[in-house]
Amino acid sequence: MSVDVLYFAWVREGIGKGQERVEPPAEVVTVADLIGWLAERPGYDVLTDTAKLRVAVDQVFVPLDTQLGAAREVAIFPPVTGG
């Protein structure tokens, strides 16, 4: 299964790219698993503190324990603030 991962704000700056297509291993079944798997890659340590991250799967905000299922897109970003 391949999934498009989008990075926003300081997450994008920390990783050095705005998006990529990845093919996680079969044991990656939740959003938290995906983030953990990505965080193990060189240069992705900005993802290690999941308390500072928000995620949307196929453009819907979800908790980290959400199953990836047939997700086509996962967006990772810091909490949104308003003004």
PDB file of N, CA and C in Angstrom:
ATOM      1  N   MET A   1       0.846  -1.181   0.000  1.00  0.00           N
ATOM      2  CA  MET A   1       0.000   0.000   0.000  1.00  0.00           C
ATOM      3  C   MET A   1       0.891   1.244   0.000  1.00  0.00           C
ATOM      4  N   SER A   2       0.667   2.114  -0.919  1.00  0.00           N
ATOM      5  CA  SER A   2       1.387   3.391  -0.889  1.00  0.00           C
ATOM      6  C   SER A   2       0.417   4.485  -0.442  1.00  0.00           C
ATOM      7  N   VAL A   3       0.982   5.471   0.219  1.00  0.00           N
ATOM      8  CA  VAL A   3       0.174   6.582   0.732  1.00  0.00           C
ATOM      9  C   VAL A   3       0.963   7.876   0.524  1.00  0.00           C
ATOM     10  N   ASP A   4       0.250   8.924   0.163  1.00  0.00           N
ATOM     11  CA  ASP A   4       0.867  10.240   0.042  1.00  0.00           C
ATOM     12  C   ASP A   4       0.867  10.882   1.421  1.00  0.00           C
ATOM     13  N   VAL A   5       2.037  11.329   1.865  1.00  0.00           N
ATOM     14  CA  VAL A   5       2.156  11.991   3.155  1.00  0.00           C
ATOM     15  C   VAL A   5       2.497  13.448   2.905  1.00  0.00           C
ATOM     16  N   LEU A   6       1.701  14.336   3.482  1.00  0.00           N
ATOM     17  CA  LEU A   6       1.896  15.773   3.339  1.00  0.00           C
ATOM     18  C   LEU A   6       2.372  16.334   4.671  1.00  0.00           C
ATOM     19  N   TYR A   7       3.352  17.234   4.617  1.00  0.00           N
ATOM     20  CA  TYR A   7       3.908  17.855   5.816  1.00  0.00           C
ATOM     21  C   TYR A   7       3.676  19.360   5.753  1.00  0.00           C
ATOM     22  N   PHE A   8       3.282  19.957   6.879  1.00  0.00           N
ATOM     23  CA  PHE A   8       2.980  21.381   6.915  1.00  0.00           C
ATOM     24  C   PHE A   8       3.739  22.101   8.023  1.00  0.00           C
ATOM     25  N   ALA A   9       3.946  23.411   7.828  1.00  0.00           N
ATOM     26  CA  ALA A   9       4.545  24.327   8.813  1.00  0.00           C
ATOM     27  C   ALA A   9       5.907  23.826   9.269  1.00  0.00           C
ATOM     28  N   TRP A  10       6.167  23.834  10.591  1.00  0.00           N
ATOM     29  CA  TRP A  10       7.502  23.462  11.066  1.00  0.00           C
ATOM     30  C   TRP A  10       7.800  21.985  10.853  1.00  0.00           C
ATOM     31  N   VAL A  11       6.781  21.164  10.635  1.00  0.00           N
ATOM     32  CA  VAL A  11       7.030  19.759  10.300  1.00  0.00           C
ATOM     33  C   VAL A  11       7.705  19.696   8.928  1.00  0.00           C
ATOM     34  N   ARG A  12       7.168  20.425   7.966  1.00  0.00           N
ATOM     35  CA  ARG A  12       7.750  20.491   6.620  1.00  0.00           C
ATOM     36  C   ARG A  12       9.167  21.047   6.672  1.00  0.00           C
ATOM     37  N   GLU A  13       9.348  22.099   7.438  1.00  0.00           N
ATOM     38  CA  GLU A  13      10.678  22.707   7.543  1.00  0.00           C
ATOM     39  C   GLU A  13      11.682  21.746   8.168  1.00  0.00           C
ATOM     40  N   GLY A  14      11.254  21.002   9.185  1.00  0.00           N
ATOM     41  CA  GLY A  14      12.151  20.068   9.853  1.00  0.00           C
ATOM     42  C   GLY A  14      12.554  18.893   8.982  1.00  0.00           C
ATOM     43  N   ILE A  15      11.631  18.434   8.158  1.00  0.00           N
ATOM     44  CA  ILE A  15      11.905  17.285   7.293  1.00  0.00           C
ATOM     45  C   ILE A  15      12.587  17.732   6.001  1.00  0.00           C
ATOM     46  N   GLY A  16      12.248  18.927   5.552  1.00  0.00           N
ATOM     47  CA  GLY A  16      12.869  19.451   4.340  1.00  0.00           C
ATOM     48  C   GLY A  16      12.105  19.153   3.064  1.00  0.00           C
ATOM     49  N   LYS A  17      10.861  18.722   3.204  1.00  0.00           N
ATOM     50  CA  LYS A  17      10.008  18.497   2.028  1.00  0.00           C
ATOM     51  C   LYS A  17       8.551  18.621   2.431  1.00  0.00           C
ATOM     52  N   GLY A  18       7.730  18.953   1.461  1.00  0.00           N
ATOM     53  CA  GLY A  18       6.314  19.153   1.725  1.00  0.00           C
ATOM     54  C   GLY A  18       5.459  17.925   1.540  1.00  0.00           C
ATOM     55  N   GLN A  19       5.954  16.969   0.763  1.00  0.00           N
ATOM     56  CA  GLN A  19       5.171  15.754   0.549  1.00  0.00           C
ATOM     57  C   GLN A  19       6.041  14.656  -0.017  1.00  0.00           C
ATOM     58  N   GLU A  20       5.540  13.448   0.113  1.00  0.00           N
ATOM     59  CA  GLU A  20       6.211  12.292  -0.469  1.00  0.00           C
ATOM     60  C   GLU A  20       5.234  11.130  -0.505  1.00  0.00           C
ATOM     61  N   ARG A  21       5.514  10.192  -1.368  1.00  0.00           N
ATOM     62  CA  ARG A  21       4.741   8.945  -1.405  1.00  0.00           C
ATOM     63  C   ARG A  21       5.586   7.876  -0.743  1.00  0.00           C
ATOM     64  N   VAL A  22       4.987   7.167   0.215  1.00  0.00           N
ATOM     65  CA  VAL A  22       5.713   6.131   0.944  1.00  0.00           C
ATOM     66  C   VAL A  22       4.970   4.802   0.839  1.00  0.00           C
ATOM     67  N   GLU A  23       5.710   3.740   1.047  1.00  0.00           N
ATOM     68  CA  GLU A  23       5.128   2.396   1.096  1.00  0.00           C
ATOM     69  C   GLU A  23       5.514   1.757   2.419  1.00  0.00           C
ATOM     70  N   PRO A  24       4.713   2.022   3.450  1.00  0.00           N
ATOM     71  CA  PRO A  24       5.044   1.479   4.772  1.00  0.00           C
ATOM     72  C   PRO A  24       4.908  -0.042   4.796  1.00  0.00           C
ATOM     73  N   PRO A  25       5.632  -0.683   5.713  1.00  0.00           N
ATOM     74  CA  PRO A  25       5.523  -2.137   5.840  1.00  0.00           C
ATOM     75  C   PRO A  25       4.145  -2.554   6.358  1.00  0.00           C
ATOM     76  N   ALA A  26       3.835  -3.822   6.214  1.00  0.00           N
ATOM     77  CA  ALA A  26       2.515  -4.354   6.576  1.00  0.00           C
ATOM     78  C   ALA A  26       2.159  -4.132   8.039  1.00  0.00           C
ATOM     79  N   GLU A  27       3.150  -4.077   8.929  1.00  0.00           N
ATOM     80  CA  GLU A  27       2.840  -3.899  10.352  1.00  0.00           C
ATOM     81  C   GLU A  27       2.417  -2.476  10.705  1.00  0.00           C
ATOM     82  N   VAL A  28       2.482  -1.559   9.777  1.00  0.00           N
ATOM     83  CA  VAL A  28       2.013  -0.184   9.983  1.00  0.00           C
ATOM     84  C   VAL A  28       0.515  -0.167   9.683  1.00  0.00           C
ATOM     85  N   VAL A  29      -0.296  -0.145  10.754  1.00  0.00           N
ATOM     86  CA  VAL A  29      -1.746  -0.228  10.564  1.00  0.00           C
ATOM     87  C   VAL A  29      -2.500   0.996  11.070  1.00  0.00           C
ATOM     88  N   THR A  30      -1.875   1.795  11.941  1.00  0.00           N
ATOM     89  CA  THR A  30      -2.539   2.993  12.455  1.00  0.00           C
ATOM     90  C   THR A  30      -1.737   4.227  12.060  1.00  0.00           C
ATOM     91  N   VAL A  31      -2.347   5.373  12.260  1.00  0.00           N
ATOM     92  CA  VAL A  31      -1.649   6.640  12.018  1.00  0.00           C
ATOM     93  C   VAL A  31      -0.418   6.737  12.918  1.00  0.00           C
ATOM     94  N   ALA A  32      -0.543   6.338  14.172  1.00  0.00           N
ATOM     95  CA  ALA A  32       0.597   6.370  15.098  1.00  0.00           C
ATOM     96  C   ALA A  32       1.724   5.468  14.601  1.00  0.00           C
ATOM     97  N   ASP A  33       1.371   4.296  14.075  1.00  0.00           N
ATOM     98  CA  ASP A  33       2.381   3.392  13.513  1.00  0.00           C
ATOM     99  C   ASP A  33       3.119   4.065  12.358  1.00  0.00           C
ATOM    100  N   LEU A  34       2.373   4.730  11.497  1.00  0.00           N
ATOM    101  CA  LEU A  34       2.969   5.406  10.344  1.00  0.00           C
ATOM    102  C   LEU A  34       3.936   6.493  10.799  1.00  0.00           C
ATOM    103  N   ILE A  35       3.505   7.303  11.758  1.00  0.00           N
ATOM    104  CA  ILE A  35       4.368   8.375  12.252  1.00  0.00           C
ATOM    105  C   ILE A  35       5.608   7.789  12.910  1.00  0.00           C
ATOM    106  N   GLY A  36       5.436   6.729  13.691  1.00  0.00           N
ATOM    107  CA  GLY A  36       6.577   6.075  14.322  1.00  0.00           C
ATOM    108  C   GLY A  36       7.552   5.520  13.307  1.00  0.00           C
ATOM    109  N   TRP A  37       7.029   4.907  12.258  1.00  0.00           N
ATOM    110  CA  TRP A  37       7.865   4.354  11.193  1.00  0.00           C
ATOM    111  C   TRP A  37       8.614   5.474  10.471  1.00  0.00           C
ATOM    112  N   LEU A  38       7.924   6.567  10.175  1.00  0.00           N
ATOM    113  CA  LEU A  38       8.577   7.706   9.525  1.00  0.00           C
ATOM    114  C   LEU A  38       9.645   8.314  10.432  1.00  0.00           C
ATOM    115  N   ALA A  39       9.345   8.434  11.733  1.00  0.00           N
ATOM    116  CA  ALA A  39      10.263   9.066  12.682  1.00  0.00           C
ATOM    117  C   ALA A  39      11.590   8.312  12.801  1.00  0.00           C
ATOM    118  N   GLU A  40      11.601   7.036  12.452  1.00  0.00           N
ATOM    119  CA  GLU A  40      12.827   6.244  12.503  1.00  0.00           C
ATOM    120  C   GLU A  40      13.767   6.549  11.343  1.00  0.00           C
ATOM    121  N   ARG A  41      13.272   7.214  10.319  1.00  0.00           N
ATOM    122  CA  ARG A  41      14.103   7.525   9.160  1.00  0.00           C
ATOM    123  C   ARG A  41      15.033   8.699   9.469  1.00  0.00           C
ATOM    124  N   PRO A  42      16.219   8.697   8.883  1.00  0.00           N
ATOM    125  CA  PRO A  42      17.141   9.819   9.106  1.00  0.00           C
ATOM    126  C   PRO A  42      16.520  11.152   8.674  1.00  0.00           C
ATOM    127  N   GLY A  43      16.603  12.152   9.548  1.00  0.00           N
ATOM    128  CA  GLY A  43      16.087  13.480   9.248  1.00  0.00           C
ATOM    129  C   GLY A  43      14.623  13.692   9.591  1.00  0.00           C
ATOM    130  N   TYR A  44      13.976  12.684  10.174  1.00  0.00           N
ATOM    131  CA  TYR A  44      12.550  12.780  10.488  1.00  0.00           C
ATOM    132  C   TYR A  44      12.288  12.873  11.988  1.00  0.00           C
ATOM    133  N   ASP A  45      13.310  13.224  12.764  1.00  0.00           N
ATOM    134  CA  ASP A  45      13.157  13.257  14.211  1.00  0.00           C
ATOM    135  C   ASP A  45      12.142  14.296  14.692  1.00  0.00           C
ATOM    136  N   VAL A  46      11.754  15.233  13.831  1.00  0.00           N
ATOM    137  CA  VAL A  46      10.723  16.213  14.181  1.00  0.00           C
ATOM    138  C   VAL A  46       9.381  15.512  14.475  1.00  0.00           C
ATOM    139  N   LEU A  47       9.239  14.270  14.048  1.00  0.00           N
ATOM    140  CA  LEU A  47       7.997  13.521  14.254  1.00  0.00           C
ATOM    141  C   LEU A  47       7.965  12.732  15.555  1.00  0.00           C
ATOM    142  N   THR A  48       9.046  12.769  16.332  1.00  0.00           N
ATOM    143  CA  THR A  48       9.111  11.917  17.518  1.00  0.00           C
ATOM    144  C   THR A  48       8.163  12.342  18.635  1.00  0.00           C
ATOM    145  N   ASP A  49       7.844  13.615  18.745  1.00  0.00           N
ATOM    146  CA  ASP A  49       6.938  14.082  19.800  1.00  0.00           C
ATOM    147  C   ASP A  49       5.522  14.201  19.236  1.00  0.00           C
ATOM    148  N   THR A  50       4.795  13.108  19.263  1.00  0.00           N
ATOM    149  CA  THR A  50       3.461  13.087  18.649  1.00  0.00           C
ATOM    150  C   THR A  50       2.456  13.976  19.370  1.00  0.00           C
ATOM    151  N   ALA A  51       2.750  14.376  20.603  1.00  0.00           N
ATOM    152  CA  ALA A  51       1.838  15.274  21.320  1.00  0.00           C
ATOM    153  C   ALA A  51       1.770  16.637  20.640  1.00  0.00           C
ATOM    154  N   LYS A  52       2.766  16.957  19.832  1.00  0.00           N
ATOM    155  CA  LYS A  52       2.808  18.243  19.134  1.00  0.00           C
ATOM    156  C   LYS A  52       2.315  18.141  17.700  1.00  0.00           C
ATOM    157  N   LEU A  53       1.693  17.026  17.345  1.00  0.00           N
ATOM    158  CA  LEU A  53       1.261  16.818  15.963  1.00  0.00           C
ATOM    159  C   LEU A  53      -0.247  16.619  15.875  1.00  0.00           C
ATOM    160  N   ARG A  54      -0.801  17.037  14.766  1.00  0.00           N
ATOM    161  CA  ARG A  54      -2.186  16.743  14.412  1.00  0.00           C
ATOM    162  C   ARG A  54      -2.143  16.053  13.055  1.00  0.00           C
ATOM    163  N   VAL A  55      -3.167  15.247  12.790  1.00  0.00           N
ATOM    164  CA  VAL A  55      -3.160  14.443  11.572  1.00  0.00           C
ATOM    165  C   VAL A  55      -4.545  14.460  10.933  1.00  0.00           C
ATOM    166  N   ALA A  56      -4.541  14.460   9.608  1.00  0.00           N
ATOM    167  CA  ALA A  56      -5.772  14.270   8.849  1.00  0.00           C
ATOM    168  C   ALA A  56      -5.540  13.115   7.877  1.00  0.00           C
ATOM    169  N   VAL A  57      -6.521  12.240   7.782  1.00  0.00           N
ATOM    170  CA  VAL A  57      -6.477  11.140   6.821  1.00  0.00           C
ATOM    171  C   VAL A  57      -7.551  11.420   5.783  1.00  0.00           C
ATOM    172  N   ASP A  58      -7.124  11.492   4.542  1.00  0.00           N
ATOM    173  CA  ASP A  58      -8.038  11.820   3.442  1.00  0.00           C
ATOM    174  C   ASP A  58      -8.878  13.057   3.770  1.00  0.00           C
ATOM    175  N   GLN A  59      -8.190  14.065   4.317  1.00  0.00           N
ATOM    176  CA  GLN A  59      -8.722  15.395   4.617  1.00  0.00           C
ATOM    177  C   GLN A  59      -9.739  15.444   5.754  1.00  0.00           C
ATOM    178  N   VAL A  60      -9.668  14.465   6.655  1.00  0.00           N
ATOM    179  CA  VAL A  60     -10.525  14.443   7.839  1.00  0.00           C
ATOM    180  C   VAL A  60      -9.619  14.316   9.067  1.00  0.00           C
ATOM    181  N   PHE A  61      -9.751  15.248  10.029  1.00  0.00           N
ATOM    182  CA  PHE A  61      -8.966  15.161  11.257  1.00  0.00           C
ATOM    183  C   PHE A  61      -9.271  13.850  11.973  1.00  0.00           C
ATOM    184  N   VAL A  62      -8.209  13.198  12.460  1.00  0.00           N
ATOM    185  CA  VAL A  62      -8.388  11.913  13.134  1.00  0.00           C
ATOM    186  C   VAL A  62      -7.438  11.814  14.326  1.00  0.00           C
ATOM    187  N   PRO A  63      -7.784  10.971  15.315  1.00  0.00           N
ATOM    188  CA  PRO A  63      -6.842  10.696  16.400  1.00  0.00           C
ATOM    189  C   PRO A  63      -5.741   9.757  15.906  1.00  0.00           C
ATOM    190  N   LEU A  64      -4.643   9.715  16.651  1.00  0.00           N
ATOM    191  CA  LEU A  64      -3.490   8.930  16.223  1.00  0.00           C
ATOM    192  C   LEU A  64      -3.749   7.426  16.197  1.00  0.00           C
ATOM    193  N   ASP A  65      -4.743   6.950  16.934  1.00  0.00           N
ATOM    194  CA  ASP A  65      -5.009   5.508  16.932  1.00  0.00           C
ATOM    195  C   ASP A  65      -5.922   5.057  15.786  1.00  0.00           C
ATOM    196  N   THR A  66      -6.198   5.966  14.867  1.00  0.00           N
ATOM    197  CA  THR A  66      -7.049   5.648  13.713  1.00  0.00           C
ATOM    198  C   THR A  66      -6.354   4.655  12.791  1.00  0.00           C
ATOM    199  N   GLN A  67      -7.111   3.675  12.333  1.00  0.00           N
ATOM    200  CA  GLN A  67      -6.608   2.692  11.371  1.00  0.00           C
ATOM    201  C   GLN A  67      -6.385   3.376  10.021  1.00  0.00           C
ATOM    202  N   LEU A  68      -5.281   3.042   9.359  1.00  0.00           N
ATOM    203  CA  LEU A  68      -5.013   3.618   8.041  1.00  0.00           C
ATOM    204  C   LEU A  68      -5.939   3.049   6.978  1.00  0.00           C
ATOM    205  N   GLY A  69      -6.250   1.763   7.064  1.00  0.00           N
ATOM    206  CA  GLY A  69      -7.127   1.149   6.074  1.00  0.00           C
ATOM    207  C   GLY A  69      -6.634   1.419   4.667  1.00  0.00           C
ATOM    208  N   ALA A  70      -7.503   1.944   3.839  1.00  0.00           N
ATOM    209  CA  ALA A  70      -7.168   2.241   2.443  1.00  0.00           C
ATOM    210  C   ALA A  70      -6.876   3.729   2.248  1.00  0.00           C
ATOM    211  N   ALA A  71      -6.304   4.372   3.261  1.00  0.00           N
ATOM    212  CA  ALA A  71      -6.014   5.806   3.172  1.00  0.00           C
ATOM    213  C   ALA A  71      -5.151   6.112   1.957  1.00  0.00           C
ATOM    214  N   ARG A  72      -5.482   7.189   1.286  1.00  0.00           N
ATOM    215  CA  ARG A  72      -4.686   7.645   0.144  1.00  0.00           C
ATOM    216  C   ARG A  72      -3.774   8.789   0.533  1.00  0.00           C
ATOM    217  N   GLU A  73      -4.178   9.558   1.567  1.00  0.00           N
ATOM    218  CA  GLU A  73      -3.409  10.741   1.945  1.00  0.00           C
ATOM    219  C   GLU A  73      -3.419  10.911   3.460  1.00  0.00           C
ATOM    220  N   VAL A  74      -2.236  11.187   4.004  1.00  0.00           N
ATOM    221  CA  VAL A  74      -2.091  11.499   5.428  1.00  0.00           C
ATOM    222  C   VAL A  74      -1.367  12.827   5.522  1.00  0.00           C
ATOM    223  N   ALA A  75      -1.989  13.795   6.181  1.00  0.00           N
ATOM    224  CA  ALA A  75      -1.385  15.111   6.373  1.00  0.00           C
ATOM    225  C   ALA A  75      -0.954  15.239   7.827  1.00  0.00           C
ATOM    226  N   ILE A  76       0.282  15.688   8.034  1.00  0.00           N
ATOM    227  CA  ILE A  76       0.835  15.842   9.389  1.00  0.00           C
ATOM    228  C   ILE A  76       1.215  17.311   9.579  1.00  0.00           C
ATOM    229  N   PHE A  77       0.735  17.890  10.686  1.00  0.00           N
ATOM    230  CA  PHE A  77       0.968  19.315  10.915  1.00  0.00           C
ATOM    231  C   PHE A  77       0.891  19.626  12.392  1.00  0.00           C
ATOM    232  N   PRO A  78       1.391  20.781  12.799  1.00  0.00           N
ATOM    233  CA  PRO A  78       1.253  21.184  14.201  1.00  0.00           C
ATOM    234  C   PRO A  78      -0.193  21.599  14.484  1.00  0.00           C
ATOM    235  N   PRO A  79      -0.541  21.697  15.769  1.00  0.00           N
ATOM    236  CA  PRO A  79      -1.902  22.136  16.107  1.00  0.00           C
ATOM    237  C   PRO A  79      -2.215  23.482  15.449  1.00  0.00           C
ATOM    238  N   VAL A  80      -3.428  23.612  15.014  1.00  0.00           N
ATOM    239  CA  VAL A  80      -3.871  24.833  14.353  1.00  0.00           C
ATOM    240  C   VAL A  80      -4.291  25.837  15.412  1.00  0.00           C
ATOM    241  N   THR A  81      -3.828  27.067  15.271  1.00  0.00           N
ATOM    242  CA  THR A  81      -4.256  28.110  16.191  1.00  0.00           C
ATOM    243  C   THR A  81      -5.023  29.172  15.392  1.00  0.00           C
ATOM    244  N   GLY A  82      -5.927  29.811  16.055  1.00  0.00           N
ATOM    245  CA  GLY A  82      -6.719  30.839  15.388  1.00  0.00           C
ATOM    246  C   GLY A  82      -6.488  32.191  16.013  1.00  0.00           C
ATOM    247  N   GLY A  83      -7.013  33.184  15.372  1.00  0.00           N
ATOM    248  CA  GLY A  83      -6.820  34.524  15.920  1.00  0.00           C
ATOM    249  C   GLY A  83      -7.983  35.408  15.625  1.00  0.00           C
TER     250      GLY A  83
END
